[in-house]
């Protein structure tokens, strides 16, 4: 089975983390159970909770760091490591990291969120990625219907809204299955993702 890279975007701190951390955790679990790969910004808060959920189910979690090196990631940015099977050190700070993360993912799910999540969401829309929004998770996620109703974005893919963390993942996977159906055989014969060396796994 081919594996999609599904990004979970959400706040690193603030009210929505306390409110929606269990929802993010369940999304991470659902991505792992579906056999696909979780991508996040390798940060604290809701992305970290999603990575914990993915880990709990034995899934593969990839973090995209704003830092250039492991040392900078930990010492300067003070970001976590143990939840991630692999960390892509982009060296692009937060703004560039967001773009690299979104462009490297097949779809993005917004949970809660603040301004950084808005940047990831708008980048995903402009990049014509599949975007799903977990309504009821607070912050940006609950504001997106108003935002997109008032701001026209020509050429964007249809947005998906849902209130259930498991169902939203299943719906995203179904859409990606349909999109890639025309070359399913080629995808299914790709080699599995490389596992990082043991010393690089989950710090």
N, C-alpha and C. Protein backbone atom coordinates (compact mmCIF):
# COMPACT_ATOMS: atom_id res chain seq x y z
N UNK A 1 0.84 -1.19 0.00
CA UNK A 1 0.00 0.00 0.00
C UNK A 1 0.88 1.25 0.00
N UNK A 2 0.56 2.21 -0.86
CA UNK A 2 1.26 3.49 -0.85
C UNK A 2 0.92 4.24 0.43
N UNK A 3 1.82 5.11 0.85
CA UNK A 3 1.62 5.84 2.09
C UNK A 3 1.58 7.34 1.80
N UNK A 4 0.50 7.97 2.20
CA UNK A 4 0.37 9.41 2.03
C UNK A 4 1.00 10.12 3.22
N UNK A 5 1.47 11.33 2.99
CA UNK A 5 1.98 12.18 4.06
C UNK A 5 0.89 13.19 4.41
N UNK A 6 0.34 13.03 5.60
CA UNK A 6 -0.78 13.86 6.04
C UNK A 6 -0.30 14.78 7.16
N UNK A 7 -0.39 16.07 6.92
CA UNK A 7 0.09 17.07 7.86
C UNK A 7 -1.01 17.44 8.86
N UNK A 8 -0.62 17.53 10.12
CA UNK A 8 -1.51 18.10 11.15
C UNK A 8 -0.94 19.45 11.54
N UNK A 9 -1.73 20.48 11.34
CA UNK A 9 -1.35 21.85 11.64
C UNK A 9 -2.18 22.36 12.80
N UNK A 10 -1.53 22.96 13.79
CA UNK A 10 -2.27 23.47 14.94
C UNK A 10 -1.38 24.32 15.81
N UNK A 11 -1.97 24.93 16.82
CA UNK A 11 -1.26 25.87 17.68
C UNK A 11 -0.20 25.17 18.52
N UNK A 12 0.92 25.86 18.72
CA UNK A 12 1.98 25.36 19.60
C UNK A 12 1.66 25.65 21.06
N UNK A 13 0.89 26.69 21.30
CA UNK A 13 0.53 27.05 22.68
C UNK A 13 -0.77 27.86 22.65
N UNK A 14 -1.27 28.18 23.82
CA UNK A 14 -2.51 28.96 23.89
C UNK A 14 -3.71 28.11 24.27
N UNK A 15 -4.86 28.75 24.28
CA UNK A 15 -6.08 28.11 24.76
C UNK A 15 -6.46 26.87 23.96
N UNK A 16 -6.23 26.89 22.65
CA UNK A 16 -6.69 25.76 21.84
C UNK A 16 -5.91 24.48 22.12
N UNK A 17 -4.69 24.62 22.66
CA UNK A 17 -3.92 23.41 23.00
C UNK A 17 -4.60 22.68 24.15
N UNK A 18 -4.97 23.43 25.17
CA UNK A 18 -5.65 22.81 26.30
C UNK A 18 -7.00 22.24 25.88
N UNK A 19 -7.68 22.95 25.02
CA UNK A 19 -9.03 22.56 24.62
C UNK A 19 -9.03 21.38 23.64
N UNK A 20 -8.07 21.37 22.69
CA UNK A 20 -8.15 20.43 21.56
C UNK A 20 -7.04 19.39 21.53
N UNK A 21 -6.23 19.26 22.60
CA UNK A 21 -5.10 18.33 22.53
C UNK A 21 -5.55 16.88 22.33
N UNK A 22 -6.69 16.50 22.93
CA UNK A 22 -7.17 15.13 22.76
C UNK A 22 -7.62 14.89 21.32
N UNK A 23 -8.20 15.90 20.70
CA UNK A 23 -8.62 15.78 19.30
C UNK A 23 -7.40 15.59 18.40
N UNK A 24 -6.33 16.36 18.65
CA UNK A 24 -5.11 16.22 17.86
C UNK A 24 -4.50 14.83 18.06
N UNK A 25 -4.52 14.36 19.29
CA UNK A 25 -4.01 13.02 19.61
C UNK A 25 -4.76 11.95 18.82
N UNK A 26 -6.08 12.08 18.77
CA UNK A 26 -6.91 11.10 18.06
C UNK A 26 -6.68 11.15 16.55
N UNK A 27 -6.40 12.33 16.03
CA UNK A 27 -6.08 12.43 14.61
C UNK A 27 -4.77 11.71 14.32
N UNK A 28 -3.78 11.91 15.19
CA UNK A 28 -2.51 11.20 15.03
C UNK A 28 -2.69 9.70 15.08
N UNK A 29 -3.52 9.24 16.00
CA UNK A 29 -3.83 7.81 16.09
C UNK A 29 -4.47 7.31 14.80
N UNK A 30 -5.43 8.07 14.29
CA UNK A 30 -6.16 7.65 13.09
C UNK A 30 -5.25 7.59 11.87
N UNK A 31 -4.31 8.54 11.75
CA UNK A 31 -3.37 8.52 10.63
C UNK A 31 -2.51 7.26 10.71
N UNK A 32 -2.02 6.94 11.91
CA UNK A 32 -1.21 5.73 12.08
C UNK A 32 -2.02 4.48 11.76
N UNK A 33 -3.24 4.40 12.26
CA UNK A 33 -4.07 3.22 12.03
C UNK A 33 -4.41 3.05 10.55
N UNK A 34 -4.48 4.16 9.83
CA UNK A 34 -4.79 4.07 8.39
C UNK A 34 -3.57 3.66 7.57
N UNK A 35 -2.40 3.57 8.22
CA UNK A 35 -1.19 3.13 7.53
C UNK A 35 -0.44 4.22 6.82
N UNK A 36 -0.76 5.48 7.14
CA UNK A 36 -0.11 6.59 6.45
C UNK A 36 0.86 7.33 7.39
N UNK A 37 1.50 8.35 6.88
CA UNK A 37 2.58 9.04 7.58
C UNK A 37 2.10 10.39 8.09
N UNK A 38 2.39 10.68 9.36
CA UNK A 38 2.06 11.98 9.94
C UNK A 38 3.21 12.94 9.71
N UNK A 39 2.92 14.14 9.22
CA UNK A 39 3.90 15.21 9.14
C UNK A 39 3.43 16.38 10.00
N UNK A 40 4.37 17.01 10.70
CA UNK A 40 4.06 18.19 11.52
C UNK A 40 5.24 19.14 11.47
N UNK A 41 5.09 20.27 12.15
CA UNK A 41 6.15 21.25 12.24
C UNK A 41 7.18 20.96 13.30
N UNK A 42 7.22 19.73 13.81
CA UNK A 42 8.21 19.31 14.82
C UNK A 42 8.22 20.24 16.02
N UNK A 43 7.03 20.65 16.44
CA UNK A 43 6.94 21.63 17.51
C UNK A 43 6.07 21.12 18.65
N UNK A 44 5.93 21.93 19.67
CA UNK A 44 5.11 21.59 20.84
C UNK A 44 3.64 21.83 20.54
N UNK A 45 2.80 21.62 21.53
CA UNK A 45 1.38 21.92 21.39
C UNK A 45 0.62 20.86 20.61
N UNK A 46 -0.31 21.28 19.78
CA UNK A 46 -1.18 20.35 19.07
C UNK A 46 -0.42 19.44 18.10
N UNK A 47 0.59 19.94 17.35
CA UNK A 47 1.37 19.02 16.52
C UNK A 47 2.07 17.93 17.35
N UNK A 48 2.55 18.30 18.51
CA UNK A 48 3.20 17.31 19.38
C UNK A 48 2.20 16.28 19.88
N UNK A 49 1.01 16.70 20.21
CA UNK A 49 -0.03 15.76 20.64
C UNK A 49 -0.41 14.81 19.50
N UNK A 50 -0.48 15.33 18.29
CA UNK A 50 -0.77 14.47 17.14
C UNK A 50 0.34 13.42 16.97
N UNK A 51 1.59 13.85 17.14
CA UNK A 51 2.72 12.92 17.03
C UNK A 51 2.66 11.86 18.13
N UNK A 52 2.25 12.25 19.32
CA UNK A 52 2.12 11.27 20.41
C UNK A 52 1.06 10.23 20.08
N UNK A 53 -0.05 10.69 19.51
CA UNK A 53 -1.10 9.75 19.11
C UNK A 53 -0.62 8.80 18.04
N UNK A 54 0.15 9.32 17.09
CA UNK A 54 0.70 8.49 16.02
C UNK A 54 1.65 7.45 16.61
N UNK A 55 2.51 7.88 17.53
CA UNK A 55 3.45 6.96 18.18
C UNK A 55 2.74 5.86 18.93
N UNK A 56 1.65 6.21 19.60
CA UNK A 56 0.92 5.24 20.41
C UNK A 56 0.40 4.08 19.59
N UNK A 57 0.19 4.32 18.29
CA UNK A 57 -0.33 3.28 17.40
C UNK A 57 0.76 2.71 16.50
N UNK A 58 2.02 3.03 16.81
CA UNK A 58 3.12 2.48 16.02
C UNK A 58 3.28 3.10 14.65
N UNK A 59 2.75 4.31 14.46
CA UNK A 59 2.84 4.96 13.15
C UNK A 59 4.15 5.68 12.94
N UNK A 60 4.35 6.18 11.72
CA UNK A 60 5.56 6.90 11.35
C UNK A 60 5.29 8.40 11.40
N UNK A 61 6.11 9.12 12.16
CA UNK A 61 5.93 10.55 12.38
C UNK A 61 7.17 11.30 11.91
N UNK A 62 6.97 12.27 11.01
CA UNK A 62 8.07 13.07 10.48
C UNK A 62 7.86 14.53 10.89
N UNK A 63 8.87 15.12 11.51
CA UNK A 63 8.79 16.52 11.90
C UNK A 63 9.64 17.38 10.99
N UNK A 64 9.13 18.56 10.61
CA UNK A 64 9.86 19.53 9.81
C UNK A 64 10.26 20.68 10.73
N UNK A 65 11.54 20.76 11.01
CA UNK A 65 12.05 21.72 11.98
C UNK A 65 12.44 23.04 11.31
N UNK A 66 12.26 24.16 12.02
CA UNK A 66 12.76 25.44 11.50
C UNK A 66 14.27 25.55 11.62
N UNK A 67 14.88 24.66 12.39
CA UNK A 67 16.31 24.72 12.67
C UNK A 67 17.15 24.07 11.57
N UNK A 68 18.45 24.37 11.60
CA UNK A 68 19.39 23.79 10.64
C UNK A 68 19.99 22.48 11.13
N UNK A 69 20.06 22.31 12.45
CA UNK A 69 20.71 21.15 13.04
C UNK A 69 19.92 20.67 14.25
N UNK A 70 20.26 19.47 14.69
CA UNK A 70 19.65 18.92 15.90
C UNK A 70 19.92 19.84 17.09
N UNK A 71 21.17 20.30 17.21
CA UNK A 71 21.53 21.16 18.34
C UNK A 71 20.71 22.45 18.34
N UNK A 72 20.58 23.07 17.17
CA UNK A 72 19.80 24.31 17.08
C UNK A 72 18.32 24.04 17.39
N UNK A 73 17.84 22.92 16.91
CA UNK A 73 16.44 22.53 17.17
C UNK A 73 16.16 22.47 18.67
N UNK A 74 17.08 21.87 19.41
CA UNK A 74 16.88 21.67 20.85
C UNK A 74 17.28 22.90 21.66
N UNK A 75 18.46 23.46 21.37
CA UNK A 75 19.00 24.54 22.20
C UNK A 75 18.41 25.91 21.89
N UNK A 76 18.29 26.24 20.61
CA UNK A 76 17.82 27.58 20.23
C UNK A 76 16.30 27.66 20.15
N UNK A 77 15.71 26.68 19.47
CA UNK A 77 14.26 26.71 19.30
C UNK A 77 13.52 26.00 20.43
N UNK A 78 14.25 25.19 21.19
CA UNK A 78 13.68 24.47 22.34
C UNK A 78 12.47 23.62 21.92
N UNK A 79 12.68 22.84 20.88
CA UNK A 79 11.62 22.00 20.33
C UNK A 79 11.85 20.54 20.69
N UNK A 80 10.78 19.74 20.70
CA UNK A 80 10.88 18.33 21.11
C UNK A 80 11.51 17.45 20.04
N UNK A 81 11.92 16.26 20.45
CA UNK A 81 12.52 15.31 19.51
C UNK A 81 11.93 13.91 19.62
N UNK A 82 11.55 13.48 20.81
CA UNK A 82 11.27 12.07 21.02
C UNK A 82 10.02 11.57 20.30
N UNK A 83 9.12 12.47 19.92
CA UNK A 83 7.89 12.04 19.24
C UNK A 83 8.10 11.75 17.76
N UNK A 84 9.27 12.06 17.24
CA UNK A 84 9.47 11.99 15.79
C UNK A 84 10.43 10.86 15.41
N UNK A 85 10.03 10.08 14.42
CA UNK A 85 10.90 9.04 13.89
C UNK A 85 12.01 9.66 13.05
N UNK A 86 11.71 10.78 12.44
CA UNK A 86 12.69 11.46 11.60
C UNK A 86 12.40 12.95 11.66
N UNK A 87 13.46 13.77 11.73
CA UNK A 87 13.31 15.23 11.72
C UNK A 87 14.04 15.78 10.51
N UNK A 88 13.31 16.53 9.70
CA UNK A 88 13.88 17.22 8.55
C UNK A 88 14.29 18.62 9.02
N UNK A 89 15.59 18.85 9.14
CA UNK A 89 16.08 20.15 9.59
C UNK A 89 16.16 21.09 8.39
N UNK A 90 15.13 21.91 8.23
CA UNK A 90 15.00 22.74 7.03
C UNK A 90 15.95 23.92 7.02
N UNK A 91 16.29 24.45 8.20
CA UNK A 91 17.12 25.66 8.27
C UNK A 91 16.43 26.88 7.71
N UNK A 92 15.10 26.87 7.66
CA UNK A 92 14.35 27.95 7.02
C UNK A 92 13.58 28.82 8.00
N UNK A 93 13.86 28.71 9.29
CA UNK A 93 13.09 29.38 10.32
C UNK A 93 11.61 28.99 10.17
N UNK A 94 10.72 29.64 10.89
CA UNK A 94 9.34 29.17 10.91
C UNK A 94 8.60 29.40 9.59
N UNK A 95 8.82 30.54 8.98
CA UNK A 95 8.07 30.85 7.75
C UNK A 95 8.44 29.88 6.63
N UNK A 96 9.75 29.69 6.42
CA UNK A 96 10.18 28.76 5.38
C UNK A 96 9.84 27.32 5.72
N UNK A 97 9.96 26.98 7.01
CA UNK A 97 9.59 25.63 7.45
C UNK A 97 8.15 25.32 7.09
N UNK A 98 7.25 26.29 7.33
CA UNK A 98 5.84 26.07 7.02
C UNK A 98 5.63 25.69 5.56
N UNK A 99 6.30 26.42 4.68
CA UNK A 99 6.15 26.16 3.24
C UNK A 99 6.68 24.78 2.88
N UNK A 100 7.85 24.44 3.41
CA UNK A 100 8.45 23.14 3.11
C UNK A 100 7.57 22.00 3.62
N UNK A 101 7.03 22.17 4.83
CA UNK A 101 6.14 21.17 5.42
C UNK A 101 4.91 20.95 4.56
N UNK A 102 4.25 22.02 4.20
CA UNK A 102 3.01 21.92 3.43
C UNK A 102 3.27 21.35 2.04
N UNK A 103 4.33 21.83 1.37
CA UNK A 103 4.63 21.36 0.02
C UNK A 103 5.02 19.89 0.01
N UNK A 104 5.53 19.38 1.15
CA UNK A 104 5.96 17.98 1.24
C UNK A 104 4.83 17.05 1.65
N UNK A 105 3.66 17.59 1.92
CA UNK A 105 2.53 16.79 2.40
C UNK A 105 1.47 16.65 1.31
N UNK A 106 0.75 15.53 1.35
CA UNK A 106 -0.33 15.32 0.38
C UNK A 106 -1.61 16.03 0.78
N UNK A 107 -1.78 16.24 2.08
CA UNK A 107 -2.98 16.90 2.58
C UNK A 107 -2.65 17.52 3.93
N UNK A 108 -3.46 18.47 4.35
CA UNK A 108 -3.25 19.15 5.62
C UNK A 108 -4.55 19.20 6.40
N UNK A 109 -4.46 18.87 7.69
CA UNK A 109 -5.62 18.93 8.57
C UNK A 109 -5.34 20.02 9.60
N UNK A 110 -6.22 21.01 9.68
CA UNK A 110 -6.07 22.10 10.64
C UNK A 110 -6.89 21.80 11.88
N UNK A 111 -6.21 21.84 13.03
CA UNK A 111 -6.85 21.65 14.34
C UNK A 111 -6.54 22.88 15.18
N UNK A 112 -7.57 23.54 15.70
CA UNK A 112 -7.30 24.75 16.48
C UNK A 112 -6.49 25.72 15.63
N UNK A 113 -5.43 26.26 16.22
CA UNK A 113 -4.52 27.07 15.42
C UNK A 113 -4.53 28.55 15.73
N UNK A 114 -3.36 29.15 15.44
CA UNK A 114 -3.19 30.59 15.58
C UNK A 114 -2.60 31.13 14.27
N UNK A 115 -1.81 32.21 14.32
CA UNK A 115 -1.32 32.84 13.10
C UNK A 115 -0.41 31.91 12.28
N UNK A 116 0.44 31.14 12.96
CA UNK A 116 1.30 30.21 12.23
C UNK A 116 0.50 29.18 11.46
N UNK A 117 -0.59 28.70 12.07
CA UNK A 117 -1.46 27.74 11.39
C UNK A 117 -2.17 28.39 10.21
N UNK A 118 -2.47 29.68 10.35
CA UNK A 118 -3.08 30.40 9.23
C UNK A 118 -2.12 30.46 8.06
N UNK A 119 -0.83 30.66 8.35
CA UNK A 119 0.17 30.67 7.29
C UNK A 119 0.24 29.31 6.60
N UNK A 120 0.22 28.23 7.38
CA UNK A 120 0.24 26.90 6.79
C UNK A 120 -1.01 26.63 5.98
N UNK A 121 -2.16 27.05 6.49
CA UNK A 121 -3.42 26.84 5.77
C UNK A 121 -3.44 27.62 4.46
N UNK A 122 -3.06 28.89 4.50
CA UNK A 122 -3.09 29.70 3.27
C UNK A 122 -2.08 29.18 2.26
N UNK A 123 -0.92 28.71 2.74
CA UNK A 123 0.06 28.11 1.84
C UNK A 123 -0.50 26.86 1.18
N UNK A 124 -1.18 26.04 1.97
CA UNK A 124 -1.78 24.81 1.44
C UNK A 124 -2.84 25.11 0.39
N UNK A 125 -3.66 26.10 0.65
CA UNK A 125 -4.71 26.48 -0.31
C UNK A 125 -4.07 26.97 -1.61
N UNK A 126 -3.07 27.85 -1.49
CA UNK A 126 -2.41 28.38 -2.67
C UNK A 126 -1.65 27.30 -3.45
N UNK A 127 -1.18 26.27 -2.72
CA UNK A 127 -0.45 25.17 -3.36
C UNK A 127 -1.39 24.09 -3.88
N UNK A 128 -2.70 24.32 -3.77
CA UNK A 128 -3.72 23.39 -4.26
C UNK A 128 -3.63 22.03 -3.57
N UNK A 129 -3.36 22.06 -2.26
CA UNK A 129 -3.37 20.85 -1.46
C UNK A 129 -4.79 20.58 -0.95
N UNK A 130 -5.05 19.33 -0.61
CA UNK A 130 -6.32 18.99 0.02
C UNK A 130 -6.28 19.48 1.47
N UNK A 131 -7.26 20.27 1.85
CA UNK A 131 -7.30 20.87 3.19
C UNK A 131 -8.55 20.41 3.92
N UNK A 132 -8.35 19.92 5.14
CA UNK A 132 -9.46 19.51 6.00
C UNK A 132 -9.38 20.32 7.28
N UNK A 133 -10.54 20.70 7.81
CA UNK A 133 -10.60 21.54 9.00
C UNK A 133 -11.47 20.86 10.04
N UNK A 134 -10.91 20.67 11.25
CA UNK A 134 -11.66 20.03 12.32
C UNK A 134 -12.44 21.10 13.08
N UNK A 135 -13.71 21.23 12.73
CA UNK A 135 -14.57 22.20 13.40
C UNK A 135 -14.79 21.80 14.86
N UNK A 136 -14.94 22.81 15.71
CA UNK A 136 -15.12 22.55 17.13
C UNK A 136 -13.83 22.44 17.90
N UNK A 137 -12.69 22.64 17.20
CA UNK A 137 -11.39 22.56 17.88
C UNK A 137 -10.87 23.92 18.29
N UNK A 138 -11.63 24.97 18.02
CA UNK A 138 -11.27 26.31 18.46
C UNK A 138 -10.31 27.02 17.53
N UNK A 139 -9.96 28.25 17.91
CA UNK A 139 -8.97 29.04 17.18
C UNK A 139 -9.26 29.18 15.70
N UNK A 140 -8.20 29.08 14.91
CA UNK A 140 -8.31 29.27 13.46
C UNK A 140 -9.31 28.32 12.83
N UNK A 141 -9.32 27.06 13.25
CA UNK A 141 -10.18 26.06 12.61
C UNK A 141 -11.64 26.51 12.59
N UNK A 142 -12.10 27.11 13.67
CA UNK A 142 -13.50 27.53 13.73
C UNK A 142 -13.75 28.86 13.03
N UNK A 143 -12.66 29.55 12.66
CA UNK A 143 -12.80 30.82 11.94
C UNK A 143 -12.69 30.64 10.43
N UNK A 144 -12.13 29.53 9.98
CA UNK A 144 -11.91 29.33 8.55
C UNK A 144 -13.19 29.43 7.72
N UNK A 145 -14.34 28.88 8.17
CA UNK A 145 -15.54 29.05 7.34
C UNK A 145 -15.87 30.51 7.05
N UNK A 146 -15.71 31.38 8.04
CA UNK A 146 -15.95 32.82 7.85
C UNK A 146 -14.89 33.41 6.92
N UNK A 147 -13.64 33.03 7.14
CA UNK A 147 -12.54 33.55 6.33
C UNK A 147 -12.72 33.22 4.86
N UNK A 148 -12.99 31.95 4.57
CA UNK A 148 -13.09 31.52 3.17
C UNK A 148 -14.39 31.99 2.51
N UNK A 149 -15.39 32.28 3.33
CA UNK A 149 -16.64 32.81 2.80
C UNK A 149 -16.46 34.24 2.31
N UNK A 150 -15.53 34.96 2.92
CA UNK A 150 -15.35 36.38 2.61
C UNK A 150 -14.19 36.66 1.67
N UNK A 151 -13.26 35.71 1.55
CA UNK A 151 -12.08 35.92 0.70
C UNK A 151 -12.08 34.89 -0.42
N UNK A 152 -12.12 35.36 -1.65
CA UNK A 152 -12.15 34.47 -2.81
C UNK A 152 -10.74 33.97 -3.13
N UNK A 153 -10.63 32.66 -3.35
CA UNK A 153 -9.35 32.06 -3.73
C UNK A 153 -9.57 31.24 -5.00
N UNK A 154 -9.33 31.83 -6.15
CA UNK A 154 -9.56 31.11 -7.42
C UNK A 154 -8.68 29.86 -7.51
N UNK A 155 -9.28 28.77 -8.00
CA UNK A 155 -8.52 27.56 -8.27
C UNK A 155 -8.27 26.66 -7.08
N UNK A 156 -8.74 27.03 -5.89
CA UNK A 156 -8.48 26.18 -4.72
C UNK A 156 -9.32 24.92 -4.79
N UNK A 157 -8.80 23.85 -4.18
CA UNK A 157 -9.59 22.63 -4.06
C UNK A 157 -10.68 22.84 -3.03
N UNK A 158 -11.74 22.03 -3.12
CA UNK A 158 -12.81 22.12 -2.14
C UNK A 158 -12.27 21.83 -0.74
N UNK A 159 -12.67 22.63 0.23
CA UNK A 159 -12.27 22.41 1.61
C UNK A 159 -13.18 21.37 2.25
N UNK A 160 -12.62 20.59 3.16
CA UNK A 160 -13.40 19.59 3.87
C UNK A 160 -13.56 20.03 5.32
N UNK A 161 -14.78 20.01 5.80
CA UNK A 161 -15.06 20.34 7.20
C UNK A 161 -15.68 19.13 7.89
N UNK A 162 -15.22 18.86 9.09
CA UNK A 162 -15.78 17.75 9.87
C UNK A 162 -15.57 18.04 11.34
N UNK A 163 -16.29 17.31 12.19
CA UNK A 163 -16.18 17.49 13.63
C UNK A 163 -15.61 16.27 14.34
N UNK A 164 -15.36 15.20 13.57
CA UNK A 164 -14.88 13.95 14.16
C UNK A 164 -13.45 13.67 13.71
N UNK A 165 -12.50 13.48 14.64
CA UNK A 165 -11.09 13.32 14.26
C UNK A 165 -10.80 12.06 13.45
N UNK A 166 -11.49 10.98 13.71
CA UNK A 166 -11.26 9.74 12.95
C UNK A 166 -11.89 9.86 11.57
N UNK A 167 -13.10 10.35 11.52
CA UNK A 167 -13.80 10.47 10.23
C UNK A 167 -13.07 11.42 9.28
N UNK A 168 -12.49 12.50 9.83
CA UNK A 168 -11.82 13.48 8.96
C UNK A 168 -10.59 12.85 8.29
N UNK A 169 -9.89 11.99 9.02
CA UNK A 169 -8.74 11.29 8.43
C UNK A 169 -9.21 10.31 7.37
N UNK A 170 -10.25 9.55 7.66
CA UNK A 170 -10.77 8.58 6.70
C UNK A 170 -11.24 9.27 5.42
N UNK A 171 -11.83 10.42 5.56
CA UNK A 171 -12.32 11.16 4.40
C UNK A 171 -11.16 11.67 3.55
N UNK A 172 -10.12 12.16 4.20
CA UNK A 172 -8.94 12.64 3.49
C UNK A 172 -8.28 11.49 2.72
N UNK A 173 -8.14 10.35 3.38
CA UNK A 173 -7.52 9.18 2.74
C UNK A 173 -8.35 8.76 1.52
N UNK A 174 -9.67 8.77 1.66
CA UNK A 174 -10.53 8.39 0.55
C UNK A 174 -10.36 9.33 -0.65
N UNK A 175 -10.22 10.62 -0.38
CA UNK A 175 -10.01 11.59 -1.45
C UNK A 175 -8.66 11.35 -2.14
N UNK A 176 -7.62 11.09 -1.35
CA UNK A 176 -6.31 10.84 -1.93
C UNK A 176 -6.29 9.54 -2.72
N UNK A 177 -7.00 8.52 -2.22
CA UNK A 177 -7.10 7.26 -2.97
C UNK A 177 -7.73 7.50 -4.35
N UNK A 178 -8.75 8.31 -4.35
CA UNK A 178 -9.43 8.60 -5.61
C UNK A 178 -8.53 9.41 -6.54
N UNK A 179 -7.82 10.37 -5.99
CA UNK A 179 -6.95 11.22 -6.81
C UNK A 179 -5.82 10.43 -7.45
N UNK A 180 -5.26 9.48 -6.70
CA UNK A 180 -4.12 8.72 -7.19
C UNK A 180 -4.50 7.38 -7.81
N UNK A 181 -5.77 7.15 -8.02
CA UNK A 181 -6.23 5.86 -8.53
C UNK A 181 -5.65 5.55 -9.90
N UNK A 182 -5.38 6.58 -10.71
CA UNK A 182 -4.91 6.34 -12.07
C UNK A 182 -3.48 5.80 -12.13
N UNK A 183 -2.71 5.95 -11.04
CA UNK A 183 -1.40 5.30 -11.02
C UNK A 183 -1.16 4.57 -9.71
N UNK A 184 -2.24 3.92 -9.24
CA UNK A 184 -2.18 3.15 -8.01
C UNK A 184 -1.13 2.03 -8.07
N UNK A 185 -1.04 1.36 -9.22
CA UNK A 185 -0.10 0.24 -9.34
C UNK A 185 1.34 0.72 -9.15
N UNK A 186 1.69 1.86 -9.75
CA UNK A 186 3.04 2.39 -9.61
C UNK A 186 3.32 2.76 -8.16
N UNK A 187 2.35 3.38 -7.48
CA UNK A 187 2.53 3.77 -6.09
C UNK A 187 2.72 2.56 -5.19
N UNK A 188 1.94 1.52 -5.44
CA UNK A 188 1.99 0.34 -4.58
C UNK A 188 3.30 -0.42 -4.72
N UNK A 189 4.04 -0.16 -5.81
CA UNK A 189 5.31 -0.85 -5.98
C UNK A 189 6.51 -0.01 -5.55
N UNK A 190 6.26 1.19 -5.00
CA UNK A 190 7.35 1.98 -4.47
C UNK A 190 7.90 1.30 -3.22
N UNK A 191 9.21 1.44 -2.96
CA UNK A 191 9.76 0.86 -1.72
C UNK A 191 9.20 1.58 -0.51
N UNK A 192 9.14 0.91 0.65
CA UNK A 192 8.64 1.56 1.86
C UNK A 192 9.55 2.68 2.28
N UNK A 193 9.04 3.66 3.06
CA UNK A 193 9.89 4.75 3.52
C UNK A 193 11.07 4.21 4.32
N UNK A 194 12.24 4.81 4.11
CA UNK A 194 13.42 4.39 4.85
C UNK A 194 13.28 4.75 6.32
N UNK A 195 13.64 3.83 7.18
CA UNK A 195 13.66 4.11 8.62
C UNK A 195 15.00 4.73 8.97
N UNK A 196 15.01 5.80 9.77
CA UNK A 196 16.28 6.41 10.16
C UNK A 196 17.07 5.47 11.06
N UNK A 197 18.38 5.68 11.15
CA UNK A 197 19.20 4.86 12.05
C UNK A 197 18.69 4.95 13.47
N UNK A 198 18.91 3.92 14.29
CA UNK A 198 18.38 3.89 15.65
C UNK A 198 18.73 5.12 16.48
N UNK A 199 19.95 5.69 16.28
CA UNK A 199 20.35 6.82 17.11
C UNK A 199 19.61 8.09 16.76
N UNK A 200 18.91 8.12 15.61
CA UNK A 200 18.16 9.30 15.21
C UNK A 200 16.67 9.17 15.54
N UNK A 201 16.25 8.05 16.06
CA UNK A 201 14.83 7.81 16.25
C UNK A 201 14.38 8.20 17.66
N UNK A 202 13.42 9.09 17.72
CA UNK A 202 12.73 9.44 18.96
C UNK A 202 13.66 9.72 20.13
N UNK A 203 14.73 10.51 19.83
CA UNK A 203 15.66 11.06 20.82
C UNK A 203 15.63 10.40 22.14
